[in-house]
Amino acid sequence: MSIQSLSRIVGRIGIVALSLALVQGGVVLAGPPSKGAPAKPAAKSTPRDVALKAVKLDYTVFTAPDHVMKGTFTVDNQSPYDVSGVKVRCKPVGGNGVALPAKETTFNDVVKAKASKKFVQVSLGPVTGNPQSTSCNVVDLKAK
């Protein structure tokens, strides 16, 4: 066996031995570091965040002859928390597709966890123009 062959074999054995020693010692050899932002720890969800995602809103909104927007709302709370101070924002749209000023209301009654509550004939205030459609969403609440 030549010195060159022996040198190659010893070199390979050395690399294998070094790799085994590193693995046994808990060192992991990885590829080049990834480009981009370092991983952020997952943010903890607050009771409010959990409830806000789990509360659903069913509604019927209409404009009375006196140009006051009114609605019937059902707040369906499927979260594990009781909620109150449920703030609802309604966005009416006129016949020509133009957005009219948004209307808001807040339901201060407690809606128990895994329950729903209906609010009937709630006044949202006067509306300008003649809304052809309205979309409403829960935008805030307090979870207990």
C-alpha atoms as a PDB file:
ATOM      1  CA  MET A   1       0.000   0.000   0.000  1.00  0.00           C
ATOM      2  CA  SER A   2       1.373   3.368  -0.908  1.00  0.00           C
ATOM      3  CA  ILE A   3       1.661   6.294   1.463  1.00  0.00           C
ATOM      4  CA  GLN A   4      -0.890   8.238  -0.576  1.00  0.00           C
ATOM      5  CA  SER A   5      -3.495   5.450  -0.305  1.00  0.00           C
ATOM      6  CA  LEU A   6      -2.842   5.109   3.403  1.00  0.00           C
ATOM      7  CA  SER A   7      -3.138   8.875   3.831  1.00  0.00           C
ATOM      8  CA  ARG A   8      -6.548   8.902   2.067  1.00  0.00           C
ATOM      9  CA  ILE A   9      -7.873   6.048   4.213  1.00  0.00           C
ATOM     10  CA  VAL A  10      -6.687   7.706   7.428  1.00  0.00           C
ATOM     11  CA  GLY A  11      -8.261  10.989   6.264  1.00  0.00           C
ATOM     12  CA  ARG A  12     -11.631   9.318   5.616  1.00  0.00           C
ATOM     13  CA  ILE A  13     -11.535   7.508   8.932  1.00  0.00           C
ATOM     14  CA  GLY A  14     -10.723  10.800  10.654  1.00  0.00           C
ATOM     15  CA  ILE A  15     -13.707  12.553   9.069  1.00  0.00           C
ATOM     16  CA  VAL A  16     -16.049   9.716  10.029  1.00  0.00           C
ATOM     17  CA  ALA A  17     -14.699   9.674  13.589  1.00  0.00           C
ATOM     18  CA  LEU A  18     -15.063  13.444  13.892  1.00  0.00           C
ATOM     19  CA  SER A  19     -18.659  13.294  12.593  1.00  0.00           C
ATOM     20  CA  LEU A  20     -19.558  10.546  15.075  1.00  0.00           C
ATOM     21  CA  ALA A  21     -18.008  12.503  17.938  1.00  0.00           C
ATOM     22  CA  LEU A  22     -19.976  15.620  17.005  1.00  0.00           C
ATOM     23  CA  VAL A  23     -23.272  13.710  16.729  1.00  0.00           C
ATOM     24  CA  GLN A  24     -22.722  11.992  20.077  1.00  0.00           C
ATOM     25  CA  GLY A  25     -21.907  15.340  21.655  1.00  0.00           C
ATOM     26  CA  GLY A  26     -25.210  16.789  20.434  1.00  0.00           C
ATOM     27  CA  VAL A  27     -23.719  19.013  17.760  1.00  0.00           C
ATOM     28  CA  VAL A  28     -25.722  19.126  14.560  1.00  0.00           C
ATOM     29  CA  LEU A  29     -24.071  20.273  11.407  1.00  0.00           C
ATOM     30  CA  ALA A  30     -26.517  22.205   9.264  1.00  0.00           C
ATOM     31  CA  GLY A  31     -26.419  23.908   5.925  1.00  0.00           C
ATOM     32  CA  PRO A  32     -25.771  27.606   5.560  1.00  0.00           C
ATOM     33  CA  PRO A  33     -27.963  29.852   7.696  1.00  0.00           C
ATOM     34  CA  SER A  34     -31.259  30.781   6.089  1.00  0.00           C
ATOM     35  CA  LYS A  35     -31.752  34.282   4.871  1.00  0.00           C
ATOM     36  CA  GLY A  36     -34.622  36.212   6.314  1.00  0.00           C
ATOM     37  CA  ALA A  37     -35.886  37.196   9.705  1.00  0.00           C
ATOM     38  CA  PRO A  38     -35.139  35.002  12.681  1.00  0.00           C
ATOM     39  CA  ALA A  39     -38.063  32.945  13.907  1.00  0.00           C
ATOM     40  CA  LYS A  40     -40.218  34.792  16.426  1.00  0.00           C
ATOM     41  CA  PRO A  41     -41.744  32.954  19.338  1.00  0.00           C
ATOM     42  CA  ALA A  42     -45.463  32.404  18.932  1.00  0.00           C
ATOM     43  CA  ALA A  43     -47.458  35.201  20.505  1.00  0.00           C
ATOM     44  CA  LYS A  44     -49.807  34.188  23.293  1.00  0.00           C
ATOM     45  CA  SER A  45     -53.453  34.650  22.448  1.00  0.00           C
ATOM     46  CA  THR A  46     -55.321  36.775  24.947  1.00  0.00           C
ATOM     47  CA  PRO A  47     -58.904  35.912  25.964  1.00  0.00           C
ATOM     48  CA  ARG A  48     -60.023  38.895  23.871  1.00  0.00           C
ATOM     49  CA  ASP A  49     -58.221  37.561  20.769  1.00  0.00           C
ATOM     50  CA  VAL A  50     -59.693  34.092  21.240  1.00  0.00           C
ATOM     51  CA  ALA A  51     -63.203  35.462  21.760  1.00  0.00           C
ATOM     52  CA  LEU A  52     -62.972  37.899  18.849  1.00  0.00           C
ATOM     53  CA  LYS A  53     -62.213  35.010  16.488  1.00  0.00           C
ATOM     54  CA  ALA A  54     -64.975  32.820  17.925  1.00  0.00           C
ATOM     55  CA  VAL A  55     -67.826  35.361  18.050  1.00  0.00           C
ATOM     56  CA  LYS A  56     -70.075  35.333  14.994  1.00  0.00           C
ATOM     57  CA  LEU A  57     -72.657  37.945  14.046  1.00  0.00           C
ATOM     58  CA  ASP A  58     -75.970  37.390  12.297  1.00  0.00           C
ATOM     59  CA  TYR A  59     -77.877  40.535  11.353  1.00  0.00           C
ATOM     60  CA  THR A  60     -80.692  42.126   9.417  1.00  0.00           C
ATOM     61  CA  VAL A  61     -80.354  45.859   8.802  1.00  0.00           C
ATOM     62  CA  PHE A  62     -82.909  48.206   7.250  1.00  0.00           C
ATOM     63  CA  THR A  63     -83.565  51.919   6.908  1.00  0.00           C
ATOM     64  CA  ALA A  64     -86.813  53.133   8.458  1.00  0.00           C
ATOM     65  CA  PRO A  65     -88.991  55.721   6.672  1.00  0.00           C
ATOM     66  CA  ASP A  66     -87.520  58.411   8.941  1.00  0.00           C
ATOM     67  CA  HIS A  67     -84.025  57.611   7.464  1.00  0.00           C
ATOM     68  CA  VAL A  68     -82.817  55.947  10.658  1.00  0.00           C
ATOM     69  CA  MET A  69     -80.835  52.751  10.172  1.00  0.00           C
ATOM     70  CA  LYS A  70     -82.013  49.951  12.454  1.00  0.00           C
ATOM     71  CA  GLY A  71     -81.094  46.333  12.827  1.00  0.00           C
ATOM     72  CA  THR A  72     -81.646  43.051  14.586  1.00  0.00           C
ATOM     73  CA  PHE A  73     -78.399  41.392  15.635  1.00  0.00           C
ATOM     74  CA  THR A  74     -77.624  37.959  17.055  1.00  0.00           C
ATOM     75  CA  VAL A  75     -74.235  37.651  18.759  1.00  0.00           C
ATOM     76  CA  ASP A  76     -73.183  33.973  18.756  1.00  0.00           C
ATOM     77  CA  ASN A  77     -70.369  33.511  21.277  1.00  0.00           C
ATOM     78  CA  GLN A  78     -68.690  30.142  20.684  1.00  0.00           C
ATOM     79  CA  SER A  79     -65.625  31.081  22.735  1.00  0.00           C
ATOM     80  CA  PRO A  80     -64.834  29.683  26.206  1.00  0.00           C
ATOM     81  CA  TYR A  81     -65.155  33.223  27.636  1.00  0.00           C
ATOM     82  CA  ASP A  82     -68.135  35.408  28.526  1.00  0.00           C
ATOM     83  CA  VAL A  83     -68.079  38.601  26.446  1.00  0.00           C
ATOM     84  CA  SER A  84     -69.519  42.096  26.829  1.00  0.00           C
ATOM     85  CA  GLY A  85     -68.996  45.474  25.191  1.00  0.00           C
ATOM     86  CA  VAL A  86     -69.436  43.874  21.758  1.00  0.00           C
ATOM     87  CA  LYS A  87     -68.789  46.681  19.277  1.00  0.00           C
ATOM     88  CA  VAL A  88     -70.380  46.275  15.842  1.00  0.00           C
ATOM     89  CA  ARG A  89     -69.563  48.386  12.791  1.00  0.00           C
ATOM     90  CA  CYS A  90     -71.946  48.492   9.825  1.00  0.00           C
ATOM     91  CA  LYS A  91     -70.877  49.822   6.436  1.00  0.00           C
ATOM     92  CA  PRO A  92     -73.772  50.840   4.182  1.00  0.00           C
ATOM     93  CA  VAL A  93     -73.298  51.140   0.421  1.00  0.00           C
ATOM     94  CA  GLY A  94     -75.460  53.351  -1.802  1.00  0.00           C
ATOM     95  CA  GLY A  95     -77.083  52.328  -5.073  1.00  0.00           C
ATOM     96  CA  ASN A  96     -74.237  53.746  -7.134  1.00  0.00           C
ATOM     97  CA  GLY A  97     -71.654  51.697  -5.187  1.00  0.00           C
ATOM     98  CA  VAL A  98     -70.483  54.644  -3.094  1.00  0.00           C
ATOM     99  CA  ALA A  99     -69.680  53.848   0.541  1.00  0.00           C
ATOM    100  CA  LEU A 100     -71.838  55.784   2.987  1.00  0.00           C
ATOM    101  CA  PRO A 101     -70.639  56.763   6.479  1.00  0.00           C
ATOM    102  CA  ALA A 102     -70.216  53.734   8.756  1.00  0.00           C
ATOM    103  CA  LYS A 103     -72.501  53.243  11.739  1.00  0.00           C
ATOM    104  CA  GLU A 104     -71.473  51.671  15.051  1.00  0.00           C
ATOM    105  CA  THR A 105     -73.195  50.350  18.141  1.00  0.00           C
ATOM    106  CA  THR A 106     -72.028  48.555  21.270  1.00  0.00           C
ATOM    107  CA  PHE A 107     -73.892  45.793  23.100  1.00  0.00           C
ATOM    108  CA  ASN A 108     -72.958  46.023  26.769  1.00  0.00           C
ATOM    109  CA  ASP A 109     -75.001  42.989  27.877  1.00  0.00           C
ATOM    110  CA  VAL A 110     -73.001  39.889  28.767  1.00  0.00           C
ATOM    111  CA  VAL A 111     -73.160  37.093  26.210  1.00  0.00           C
ATOM    112  CA  LYS A 112     -72.230  33.891  28.029  1.00  0.00           C
ATOM    113  CA  ALA A 113     -69.641  31.451  26.690  1.00  0.00           C
ATOM    114  CA  LYS A 114     -71.067  28.936  24.198  1.00  0.00           C
ATOM    115  CA  ALA A 115     -74.340  30.906  23.983  1.00  0.00           C
ATOM    116  CA  SER A 116     -75.992  33.531  21.825  1.00  0.00           C
ATOM    117  CA  LYS A 117     -78.054  36.621  22.465  1.00  0.00           C
ATOM    118  CA  LYS A 118     -80.416  38.535  20.177  1.00  0.00           C
ATOM    119  CA  PHE A 119     -80.708  42.332  20.096  1.00  0.00           C
ATOM    120  CA  VAL A 120     -83.882  43.540  18.370  1.00  0.00           C
ATOM    121  CA  GLN A 121     -84.663  46.892  16.697  1.00  0.00           C
ATOM    122  CA  VAL A 122     -81.323  48.495  17.550  1.00  0.00           C
ATOM    123  CA  SER A 123     -81.018  52.054  16.251  1.00  0.00           C
ATOM    124  CA  LEU A 124     -77.766  52.807  14.435  1.00  0.00           C
ATOM    125  CA  GLY A 125     -78.651  56.443  13.848  1.00  0.00           C
ATOM    126  CA  PRO A 126     -79.627  58.534  10.848  1.00  0.00           C
ATOM    127  CA  VAL A 127     -78.264  57.545   7.480  1.00  0.00           C
ATOM    128  CA  THR A 128     -77.613  59.790   4.518  1.00  0.00           C
ATOM    129  CA  GLY A 129     -78.509  58.588   1.077  1.00  0.00           C
ATOM    130  CA  ASN A 130     -80.385  55.397   0.313  1.00  0.00           C
ATOM    131  CA  PRO A 131     -78.326  52.316   1.292  1.00  0.00           C
ATOM    132  CA  GLN A 132     -78.771  49.366  -1.052  1.00  0.00           C
ATOM    133  CA  SER A 133     -76.682  46.977   1.040  1.00  0.00           C
ATOM    134  CA  THR A 134     -74.937  46.939   4.396  1.00  0.00           C
ATOM    135  CA  SER A 135     -72.227  44.712   5.835  1.00  0.00           C
ATOM    136  CA  CYS A 136     -71.687  44.447   9.608  1.00  0.00           C
ATOM    137  CA  ASN A 137     -68.793  42.997  11.631  1.00  0.00           C
ATOM    138  CA  VAL A 138     -67.760  42.652  15.260  1.00  0.00           C
ATOM    139  CA  VAL A 139     -64.742  44.960  15.645  1.00  0.00           C
ATOM    140  CA  ASP A 140     -64.103  44.820  19.393  1.00  0.00           C
ATOM    141  CA  LEU A 141     -65.250  43.232  22.629  1.00  0.00           C
ATOM    142  CA  LYS A 142     -64.269  42.526  26.217  1.00  0.00           C
ATOM    143  CA  ALA A 143     -63.685  38.918  27.297  1.00  0.00           C
ATOM    144  CA  LYS A 144     -64.066  37.798  30.892  1.00  0.00           C
END
